[in-house]
Structure formats: structure tokens, C-alpha cells
Amino acid sequence: TIMMYQDCYIVVKYGSNTVRLRAKRGEAVTVPCPIAKMNDTEIYLCTASRIQKIGSLAALYVGYCNFGSAVKLQALTVSPMADGYSNTNLTDIDLGNCQLLRSLEVCGCPNLAAPLDFTGCPSLEEIDLRATGVTGVTFATGGYLESALLPASVSSITGKRLDSLTSLALEGYDSLRTLHLEYCSTVDSLSLI
């Protein structure tokens, strides 16, 4: 499902198939996929700059996500935490400067084994990366982050002036090698190591 920031037409290209739907501001719209079986098919959201919220993309088993042009995006669920779900296709995600992004959920993607940079997402409040292979996270300085659920594979956490952070949890701590939290008075760094 997609929710738009303003009234407009949603244009989604599934390979050579184009789907156009009318959307009203703030109303969730389900965009049907005209392809019975997705097999490494490229999907383009042509109206990305007007998207406010993207519901679960789990059924598409995406391999690469680029949301850099979704400048009004506030909530993104690539894959929610669900028993038995595993997307081994996803290897990279690019959020660019999603300045308004408040919520991000990317779970069950073990091959997403790279550090993620959230410095362009200062409004991010909640992040859930459980059951991924993410190796490090860097949060926006002075951001509004409140909760971060991180995988056991994280070896590096970096953040400065995260005064709203009240919950920082890892699925496991064996991989954690670098913890760089400056002026984060709400987090007991010593309890993490």
C-alpha cells in the first residue's frame, strides 16, 4: 500500500507494465501487481517525490531499494518482522536524504550485510533492522531517534546528541566492536558493552 502526501496519480512501472491509480492525500491505496511471478523485475515509483508512506514490500522480495527521491516519505516498511519471513534478495538500501522519514522497518533480510548511513534522515524516530546482516549504523547528529532495534551482526554504532533515544537494543552483542555515542544522556553506553 502507498499513501500520498497530496492528491495525485500514482504511477508504478513493473518492468514494461505500467499501473496508474488516482490517490487522495492521506488515503492508503493498494497498487496491484500485474505480474503473476516476480523474477528480478525492476519496479519504479514514478511519483516517488509525493509519497508519504509505503506499506510492506515483503511480497515483492526486493533486491535493491533506492528511496533517495522520496523526499516526503515519512514511513517505510520494506519487510516487517514476521515468523518465517526471509528475503535473501535484498543486498542494499539507499535512503538518501529522506529528511521527513520517521519510521523504518527492514527485517528478515540476512543478505543486507552492509553498514547503513542515516545521517540524511534527521527525523527518524523508530528503526527496526532485526534479522538482517547490517554491519553498522550511523545516526543523524541531533536527530529525533527514540528507538533502534538492531541485529546481532552490528559491529559499529555511531551517534551524537541523540537526546530522545530511550531504547537501543541489539539481538546479540558478540559482533559489537565500536560504540561511539556522544552526548546521548538517555543511553547507558556501559550497559551495552
C-alpha atoms as a PDB file:
ATOM      1  CA  THR A   1       0.000   0.000   0.000  1.00  0.00           C
ATOM      2  CA  ILE A   2       1.054   3.554  -0.691  1.00  0.00           C
ATOM      3  CA  MET A   3      -0.135   6.757   0.938  1.00  0.00           C
ATOM      4  CA  MET A   4       0.427  10.004  -0.905  1.00  0.00           C
ATOM      5  CA  TYR A   5       1.376  13.375   0.532  1.00  0.00           C
ATOM      6  CA  GLN A   6      -1.032  15.162  -1.835  1.00  0.00           C
ATOM      7  CA  ASP A   7      -3.786  14.321  -4.331  1.00  0.00           C
ATOM      8  CA  CYS A   8      -2.188  12.896  -7.480  1.00  0.00           C
ATOM      9  CA  TYR A   9      -1.896   9.881  -9.737  1.00  0.00           C
ATOM     10  CA  ILE A  10       0.310   7.028  -8.595  1.00  0.00           C
ATOM     11  CA  VAL A  11       2.362   5.647 -11.459  1.00  0.00           C
ATOM     12  CA  VAL A  12       4.159   2.353 -10.865  1.00  0.00           C
ATOM     13  CA  LYS A  13       6.116   0.517 -13.541  1.00  0.00           C
ATOM     14  CA  TYR A  14       6.560  -3.222 -13.083  1.00  0.00           C
ATOM     15  CA  GLY A  15       9.059  -3.960 -15.843  1.00  0.00           C
ATOM     16  CA  SER A  16       7.185  -2.975 -19.013  1.00  0.00           C
ATOM     17  CA  ASN A  17       3.771  -2.948 -17.282  1.00  0.00           C
ATOM     18  CA  THR A  18       2.505   0.419 -16.032  1.00  0.00           C
ATOM     19  CA  VAL A  19      -0.181   0.825 -13.363  1.00  0.00           C
ATOM     20  CA  ARG A  20      -1.842   4.225 -12.831  1.00  0.00           C
ATOM     21  CA  LEU A  21      -4.204   4.928  -9.958  1.00  0.00           C
ATOM     22  CA  ARG A  22      -5.816   8.073  -8.570  1.00  0.00           C
ATOM     23  CA  ALA A  23      -4.840   8.769  -4.966  1.00  0.00           C
ATOM     24  CA  LYS A  24      -6.125  11.252  -2.453  1.00  0.00           C
ATOM     25  CA  ARG A  25      -3.944  12.806   0.202  1.00  0.00           C
ATOM     26  CA  GLY A  26      -3.637  10.645   3.315  1.00  0.00           C
ATOM     27  CA  GLU A  27      -5.614   7.668   1.938  1.00  0.00           C
ATOM     28  CA  ALA A  28      -3.921   4.278   1.604  1.00  0.00           C
ATOM     29  CA  VAL A  29      -4.008   2.850  -1.922  1.00  0.00           C
ATOM     30  CA  THR A  30      -3.143  -0.739  -2.789  1.00  0.00           C
ATOM     31  CA  VAL A  31      -1.289  -0.911  -6.079  1.00  0.00           C
ATOM     32  CA  PRO A  32      -1.904  -4.271  -7.779  1.00  0.00           C
ATOM     33  CA  CYS A  33       0.991  -6.075  -9.418  1.00  0.00           C
ATOM     34  CA  PRO A  34       0.109  -7.204 -12.962  1.00  0.00           C
ATOM     35  CA  ILE A  35       2.864  -9.826 -12.981  1.00  0.00           C
ATOM     36  CA  ALA A  36       1.957 -13.230 -11.538  1.00  0.00           C
ATOM     37  CA  LYS A  37       5.524 -14.153 -10.575  1.00  0.00           C
ATOM     38  CA  MET A  38       8.145 -11.529  -9.922  1.00  0.00           C
ATOM     39  CA  ASN A  39      11.599 -12.651 -11.044  1.00  0.00           C
ATOM     40  CA  ASP A  40      14.217  -9.919 -10.736  1.00  0.00           C
ATOM     41  CA  THR A  41      11.744  -7.401 -12.170  1.00  0.00           C
ATOM     42  CA  GLU A  42      12.569  -3.721 -11.806  1.00  0.00           C
ATOM     43  CA  ILE A  43       9.871  -1.626 -10.148  1.00  0.00           C
ATOM     44  CA  TYR A  44       9.780   2.152 -10.432  1.00  0.00           C
ATOM     45  CA  LEU A  45       7.580   4.523  -8.436  1.00  0.00           C
ATOM     46  CA  CYS A  46       7.364   7.442 -10.838  1.00  0.00           C
ATOM     47  CA  THR A  47       5.681   9.684  -8.274  1.00  0.00           C
ATOM     48  CA  ALA A  48       8.198   8.984  -5.510  1.00  0.00           C
ATOM     49  CA  SER A  49       8.594  12.644  -4.552  1.00  0.00           C
ATOM     50  CA  ARG A  50       4.946  12.720  -3.424  1.00  0.00           C
ATOM     51  CA  ILE A  51       4.871   9.512  -1.368  1.00  0.00           C
ATOM     52  CA  GLN A  52       4.166   9.866   2.348  1.00  0.00           C
ATOM     53  CA  LYS A  53       4.080   6.210   3.414  1.00  0.00           C
ATOM     54  CA  ILE A  54       4.928   2.845   1.880  1.00  0.00           C
ATOM     55  CA  GLY A  55       3.430  -0.258   3.456  1.00  0.00           C
ATOM     56  CA  SER A  56       5.101  -3.655   3.336  1.00  0.00           C
ATOM     57  CA  LEU A  57       7.114  -4.533   0.231  1.00  0.00           C
ATOM     58  CA  ALA A  58       7.717  -8.036   1.630  1.00  0.00           C
ATOM     59  CA  ALA A  59       5.713  -9.872  -1.054  1.00  0.00           C
ATOM     60  CA  LEU A  60       7.927  -8.372  -3.786  1.00  0.00           C
ATOM     61  CA  TYR A  61      11.185  -9.776  -2.323  1.00  0.00           C
ATOM     62  CA  VAL A  62      13.071  -6.691  -3.498  1.00  0.00           C
ATOM     63  CA  GLY A  63      16.817  -6.899  -4.101  1.00  0.00           C
ATOM     64  CA  TYR A  64      17.742  -3.208  -4.091  1.00  0.00           C
ATOM     65  CA  CYS A  65      15.797  -0.219  -2.762  1.00  0.00           C
ATOM     66  CA  ASN A  66      16.530   3.393  -3.621  1.00  0.00           C
ATOM     67  CA  PHE A  67      14.254   5.909  -1.924  1.00  0.00           C
ATOM     68  CA  GLY A  68      16.528   8.909  -2.401  1.00  0.00           C
ATOM     69  CA  SER A  69      13.930  10.867  -4.387  1.00  0.00           C
ATOM     70  CA  ALA A  70      11.094  10.161  -1.915  1.00  0.00           C
ATOM     71  CA  VAL A  71      11.613  13.491  -0.164  1.00  0.00           C
ATOM     72  CA  LYS A  72       8.206  13.499   1.573  1.00  0.00           C
ATOM     73  CA  LEU A  73       8.429   9.879   2.771  1.00  0.00           C
ATOM     74  CA  GLN A  74       7.575   9.563   6.471  1.00  0.00           C
ATOM     75  CA  ALA A  75       7.157   5.798   6.991  1.00  0.00           C
ATOM     76  CA  LEU A  76       8.705   2.871   5.134  1.00  0.00           C
ATOM     77  CA  THR A  77       8.226  -0.847   5.677  1.00  0.00           C
ATOM     78  CA  VAL A  78      10.396  -2.896   3.371  1.00  0.00           C
ATOM     79  CA  SER A  79       9.674  -6.063   5.334  1.00  0.00           C
ATOM     80  CA  PRO A  80       8.033  -6.330   8.763  1.00  0.00           C
ATOM     81  CA  MET A  81       9.272  -8.718  11.440  1.00  0.00           C
ATOM     82  CA  ALA A  82       7.301 -11.907  10.800  1.00  0.00           C
ATOM     83  CA  ASP A  83       7.868 -15.551  11.719  1.00  0.00           C
ATOM     84  CA  GLY A  84       9.420 -17.460   8.863  1.00  0.00           C
ATOM     85  CA  TYR A  85       9.874 -14.479   6.503  1.00  0.00           C
ATOM     86  CA  SER A  86      13.246 -14.274   4.805  1.00  0.00           C
ATOM     87  CA  ASN A  87      14.219 -12.132   1.836  1.00  0.00           C
ATOM     88  CA  THR A  88      17.652 -13.255   0.690  1.00  0.00           C
ATOM     89  CA  ASN A  89      17.470 -10.934  -2.354  1.00  0.00           C
ATOM     90  CA  LEU A  90      17.863  -7.604  -0.541  1.00  0.00           C
ATOM     91  CA  THR A  91      21.523  -6.559  -0.510  1.00  0.00           C
ATOM     92  CA  ASP A  92      21.353  -2.757  -0.466  1.00  0.00           C
ATOM     93  CA  ILE A  93      19.048   0.060   0.571  1.00  0.00           C
ATOM     94  CA  ASP A  94      19.588   3.758  -0.108  1.00  0.00           C
ATOM     95  CA  LEU A  95      17.537   6.339   1.765  1.00  0.00           C
ATOM     96  CA  GLY A  96      19.451   9.366   0.514  1.00  0.00           C
ATOM     97  CA  ASN A  97      18.183  12.489   2.254  1.00  0.00           C
ATOM     98  CA  CYS A  98      14.736  11.415   3.398  1.00  0.00           C
ATOM     99  CA  GLN A  99      14.542  14.383   5.775  1.00  0.00           C
ATOM    100  CA  LEU A 100      10.953  13.601   6.862  1.00  0.00           C
ATOM    101  CA  LEU A 101      11.344   9.822   7.377  1.00  0.00           C
ATOM    102  CA  ARG A 102      10.159   8.942  10.895  1.00  0.00           C
ATOM    103  CA  SER A 103       9.795   5.163  10.801  1.00  0.00           C
ATOM    104  CA  LEU A 104      11.820   2.450   9.043  1.00  0.00           C
ATOM    105  CA  GLU A 105      11.297  -1.299   9.234  1.00  0.00           C
ATOM    106  CA  VAL A 106      13.596  -3.688   7.354  1.00  0.00           C
ATOM    107  CA  CYS A 107      13.546  -7.166   8.915  1.00  0.00           C
ATOM    108  CA  GLY A 108      14.288 -10.718   7.800  1.00  0.00           C
ATOM    109  CA  CYS A 109      16.861  -9.762   5.143  1.00  0.00           C
ATOM    110  CA  PRO A 110      20.028 -11.700   6.060  1.00  0.00           C
ATOM    111  CA  ASN A 111      21.973 -10.649   2.940  1.00  0.00           C
ATOM    112  CA  LEU A 112      21.606  -6.946   3.712  1.00  0.00           C
ATOM    113  CA  ALA A 113      25.154  -7.114   5.047  1.00  0.00           C
ATOM    114  CA  ALA A 114      26.470  -3.572   4.864  1.00  0.00           C
ATOM    115  CA  PRO A 115      26.715  -0.522   7.098  1.00  0.00           C
ATOM    116  CA  LEU A 116      23.723   1.834   6.846  1.00  0.00           C
ATOM    117  CA  ASP A 117      24.045   5.613   6.983  1.00  0.00           C
ATOM    118  CA  PHE A 118      21.058   7.501   8.387  1.00  0.00           C
ATOM    119  CA  THR A 119      22.742  10.910   8.581  1.00  0.00           C
ATOM    120  CA  GLY A 120      20.367  12.220   5.888  1.00  0.00           C
ATOM    121  CA  CYS A 121      17.328  11.168   7.957  1.00  0.00           C
ATOM    122  CA  PRO A 122      17.293  13.502  10.998  1.00  0.00           C
ATOM    123  CA  SER A 123      13.562  12.971  11.679  1.00  0.00           C
ATOM    124  CA  LEU A 124      13.953   9.195  12.090  1.00  0.00           C
ATOM    125  CA  GLU A 125      12.259   8.188  15.365  1.00  0.00           C
ATOM    126  CA  GLU A 126      11.958   4.396  15.074  1.00  0.00           C
ATOM    127  CA  ILE A 127      14.173   1.914  13.277  1.00  0.00           C
ATOM    128  CA  ASP A 128      13.845  -1.870  13.213  1.00  0.00           C
ATOM    129  CA  LEU A 129      16.599  -3.840  11.461  1.00  0.00           C
ATOM    130  CA  ARG A 130      16.198  -7.183  13.237  1.00  0.00           C
ATOM    131  CA  ALA A 131      17.171 -10.398  11.428  1.00  0.00           C
ATOM    132  CA  THR A 132      19.312  -8.576   8.859  1.00  0.00           C
ATOM    133  CA  GLY A 133      23.040  -8.734   8.247  1.00  0.00           C
ATOM    134  CA  VAL A 134      23.582  -4.983   8.757  1.00  0.00           C
ATOM    135  CA  THR A 135      27.148  -4.436   9.980  1.00  0.00           C
ATOM    136  CA  GLY A 136      26.983  -0.858  11.230  1.00  0.00           C
ATOM    137  CA  VAL A 137      24.724   2.156  11.703  1.00  0.00           C
ATOM    138  CA  THR A 138      25.417   5.873  11.745  1.00  0.00           C
ATOM    139  CA  PHE A 139      22.603   8.083  13.014  1.00  0.00           C
ATOM    140  CA  ALA A 140      21.961  11.749  12.193  1.00  0.00           C
ATOM    141  CA  THR A 141      23.608  14.138  14.651  1.00  0.00           C
ATOM    142  CA  GLY A 142      20.958  15.705  16.877  1.00  0.00           C
ATOM    143  CA  GLY A 143      18.247  13.519  15.343  1.00  0.00           C
ATOM    144  CA  TYR A 144      14.928  12.592  16.939  1.00  0.00           C
ATOM    145  CA  LEU A 145      15.686   8.862  17.217  1.00  0.00           C
ATOM    146  CA  GLU A 146      13.723   7.249  20.065  1.00  0.00           C
ATOM    147  CA  SER A 147      14.041   3.517  19.411  1.00  0.00           C
ATOM    148  CA  ALA A 148      16.547   1.368  17.496  1.00  0.00           C
ATOM    149  CA  LEU A 149      16.253  -2.414  17.241  1.00  0.00           C
ATOM    150  CA  LEU A 150      19.450  -3.719  15.667  1.00  0.00           C
ATOM    151  CA  PRO A 151      20.670  -7.146  14.520  1.00  0.00           C
ATOM    152  CA  ALA A 152      23.383  -9.213  16.183  1.00  0.00           C
ATOM    153  CA  SER A 153      25.639  -8.596  13.151  1.00  0.00           C
ATOM    154  CA  VAL A 154      26.150  -4.900  14.018  1.00  0.00           C
ATOM    155  CA  SER A 155      29.799  -4.201  14.775  1.00  0.00           C
ATOM    156  CA  SER A 156      29.649  -0.389  14.826  1.00  0.00           C
ATOM    157  CA  ILE A 157      27.153   2.154  16.203  1.00  0.00           C
ATOM    158  CA  THR A 158      27.745   5.887  15.810  1.00  0.00           C
ATOM    159  CA  GLY A 159      25.565   8.741  17.050  1.00  0.00           C
ATOM    160  CA  LYS A 160      25.854  12.221  18.551  1.00  0.00           C
ATOM    161  CA  ARG A 161      23.368  14.304  20.548  1.00  0.00           C
ATOM    162  CA  LEU A 162      20.552  11.741  20.408  1.00  0.00           C
ATOM    163  CA  ASP A 163      18.658  13.190  23.366  1.00  0.00           C
ATOM    164  CA  SER A 164      15.393  11.387  22.526  1.00  0.00           C
ATOM    165  CA  LEU A 165      16.920   7.892  22.335  1.00  0.00           C
ATOM    166  CA  THR A 166      15.323   5.765  25.053  1.00  0.00           C
ATOM    167  CA  SER A 167      15.658   2.267  23.574  1.00  0.00           C
ATOM    168  CA  LEU A 168      18.760   0.866  21.882  1.00  0.00           C
ATOM    169  CA  ALA A 169      18.662  -2.915  21.655  1.00  0.00           C
ATOM    170  CA  LEU A 170      20.712  -5.473  19.760  1.00  0.00           C
ATOM    171  CA  GLU A 171      19.695  -9.081  19.089  1.00  0.00           C
ATOM    172  CA  GLY A 172      23.187 -10.034  20.232  1.00  0.00           C
ATOM    173  CA  TYR A 173      26.320  -8.212  21.330  1.00  0.00           C
ATOM    174  CA  ASP A 174      29.135 -10.543  20.214  1.00  0.00           C
ATOM    175  CA  SER A 175      29.848  -8.628  16.973  1.00  0.00           C
ATOM    176  CA  LEU A 176      29.808  -5.141  18.542  1.00  0.00           C
ATOM    177  CA  ARG A 177      33.310  -3.668  18.317  1.00  0.00           C
ATOM    178  CA  THR A 178      32.786   0.101  18.095  1.00  0.00           C
ATOM    179  CA  LEU A 179      30.271   2.087  20.132  1.00  0.00           C
ATOM    180  CA  HIS A 180      30.592   5.816  19.550  1.00  0.00           C
ATOM    181  CA  LEU A 181      27.768   7.663  21.299  1.00  0.00           C
ATOM    182  CA  GLU A 182      28.495  11.280  22.223  1.00  0.00           C
ATOM    183  CA  TYR A 183      26.188  13.436  24.307  1.00  0.00           C
ATOM    184  CA  CYS A 184      23.476  10.760  24.424  1.00  0.00           C
ATOM    185  CA  SER A 185      22.463  11.179  28.053  1.00  0.00           C
ATOM    186  CA  THR A 186      19.456   8.837  27.816  1.00  0.00           C
ATOM    187  CA  VAL A 187      21.542   5.775  26.877  1.00  0.00           C
ATOM    188  CA  ASP A 188      23.727   3.868  29.334  1.00  0.00           C
ATOM    189  CA  SER A 189      26.601   3.023  26.968  1.00  0.00           C
ATOM    190  CA  LEU A 190      28.370   0.910  29.560  1.00  0.00           C
ATOM    191  CA  SER A 191      25.432  -1.477  29.794  1.00  0.00           C
ATOM    192  CA  LEU A 192      25.807  -2.234  26.058  1.00  0.00           C
ATOM    193  CA  ILE A 193      29.410  -3.367  26.351  1.00  0.00           C
END
